Amino acid sequence: MKWMFLLVGIGIGLTWGWIAAHHTVASECERLGGFFVGKKTFQCQQVQSKVGD
């Protein structure tokens, strides 16, 4: 039973971390036009799709 709670907790933690990371990257891209990982800088570009494609 303890293992089930542990696995559920790990699953919740991974899901929360994934959501938080994507939110952080999206907000940094929107605000600064890029994001930083260590000494590397990544530049973001918004892609707009046409309706119906």
C-alpha atoms as a PDB file:
ATOM      1  CA  MET A   1       0.000   0.000   0.000  1.00  0.00           C
ATOM      2  CA  LYS A   2       2.875   2.376   0.755  1.00  0.00           C
ATOM      3  CA  TRP A   3       4.287   1.784  -2.731  1.00  0.00           C
ATOM      4  CA  MET A   4       1.002   2.821  -4.309  1.00  0.00           C
ATOM      5  CA  PHE A   5       1.014   6.129  -2.426  1.00  0.00           C
ATOM      6  CA  LEU A   6       4.652   6.627  -3.378  1.00  0.00           C
ATOM      7  CA  LEU A   7       3.933   6.016  -7.070  1.00  0.00           C
ATOM      8  CA  VAL A   8       0.921   8.342  -7.011  1.00  0.00           C
ATOM      9  CA  GLY A   9       3.021  11.022  -5.294  1.00  0.00           C
ATOM     10  CA  ILE A  10       5.796  10.672  -7.857  1.00  0.00           C
ATOM     11  CA  GLY A  11       3.250  10.893 -10.684  1.00  0.00           C
ATOM     12  CA  ILE A  12       1.714  14.033  -9.232  1.00  0.00           C
ATOM     13  CA  GLY A  13       5.165  15.576  -8.732  1.00  0.00           C
ATOM     14  CA  LEU A  14       6.236  14.814 -12.300  1.00  0.00           C
ATOM     15  CA  THR A  15       3.010  16.208 -13.732  1.00  0.00           C
ATOM     16  CA  TRP A  16       3.268  19.388 -11.650  1.00  0.00           C
ATOM     17  CA  GLY A  17       6.921  19.836 -12.665  1.00  0.00           C
ATOM     18  CA  TRP A  18       6.117  19.387 -16.357  1.00  0.00           C
ATOM     19  CA  ILE A  19       3.301  21.949 -16.196  1.00  0.00           C
ATOM     20  CA  ALA A  20       5.422  24.440 -14.222  1.00  0.00           C
ATOM     21  CA  ALA A  21       8.362  24.129 -16.644  1.00  0.00           C
ATOM     22  CA  HIS A  22       6.182  24.722 -19.697  1.00  0.00           C
ATOM     23  CA  HIS A  23       4.489  27.686 -18.038  1.00  0.00           C
ATOM     24  CA  THR A  24       7.871  29.200 -17.133  1.00  0.00           C
ATOM     25  CA  VAL A  25       9.279  28.819 -20.653  1.00  0.00           C
ATOM     26  CA  ALA A  26       6.108  30.239 -22.217  1.00  0.00           C
ATOM     27  CA  SER A  27       6.058  33.271 -19.925  1.00  0.00           C
ATOM     28  CA  GLU A  28       9.785  33.955 -20.434  1.00  0.00           C
ATOM     29  CA  CYS A  29       9.367  33.710 -24.207  1.00  0.00           C
ATOM     30  CA  GLU A  30       6.402  36.066 -24.152  1.00  0.00           C
ATOM     31  CA  ARG A  31       8.038  38.560 -21.807  1.00  0.00           C
ATOM     32  CA  LEU A  32      11.669  38.483 -22.981  1.00  0.00           C
ATOM     33  CA  GLY A  33      11.575  36.787 -26.377  1.00  0.00           C
ATOM     34  CA  GLY A  34      13.770  33.981 -25.092  1.00  0.00           C
ATOM     35  CA  PHE A  35      14.809  31.917 -22.097  1.00  0.00           C
ATOM     36  CA  PHE A  36      18.070  30.993 -20.462  1.00  0.00           C
ATOM     37  CA  VAL A  37      19.511  27.603 -19.456  1.00  0.00           C
ATOM     38  CA  GLY A  38      22.879  27.924 -17.784  1.00  0.00           C
ATOM     39  CA  LYS A  39      25.113  29.938 -20.103  1.00  0.00           C
ATOM     40  CA  LYS A  40      22.938  29.276 -23.160  1.00  0.00           C
ATOM     41  CA  THR A  41      20.261  31.651 -24.418  1.00  0.00           C
ATOM     42  CA  PHE A  42      17.367  30.387 -26.532  1.00  0.00           C
ATOM     43  CA  GLN A  43      15.350  32.685 -28.774  1.00  0.00           C
ATOM     44  CA  CYS A  44      11.606  32.116 -29.205  1.00  0.00           C
ATOM     45  CA  GLN A  45       9.475  32.688 -32.268  1.00  0.00           C
ATOM     46  CA  GLN A  46       5.686  32.640 -32.311  1.00  0.00           C
ATOM     47  CA  VAL A  47       4.107  30.478 -35.003  1.00  0.00           C
ATOM     48  CA  GLN A  48       0.650  31.402 -36.197  1.00  0.00           C
ATOM     49  CA  SER A  49      -1.328  28.735 -38.011  1.00  0.00           C
ATOM     50  CA  LYS A  50      -4.078  29.406 -40.509  1.00  0.00           C
ATOM     51  CA  VAL A  51      -7.593  28.325 -39.632  1.00  0.00           C
ATOM     52  CA  GLY A  52      -8.591  25.266 -41.651  1.00  0.00           C
ATOM     53  CA  ASP A  53      -5.097  23.846 -42.208  1.00  0.00           C
END
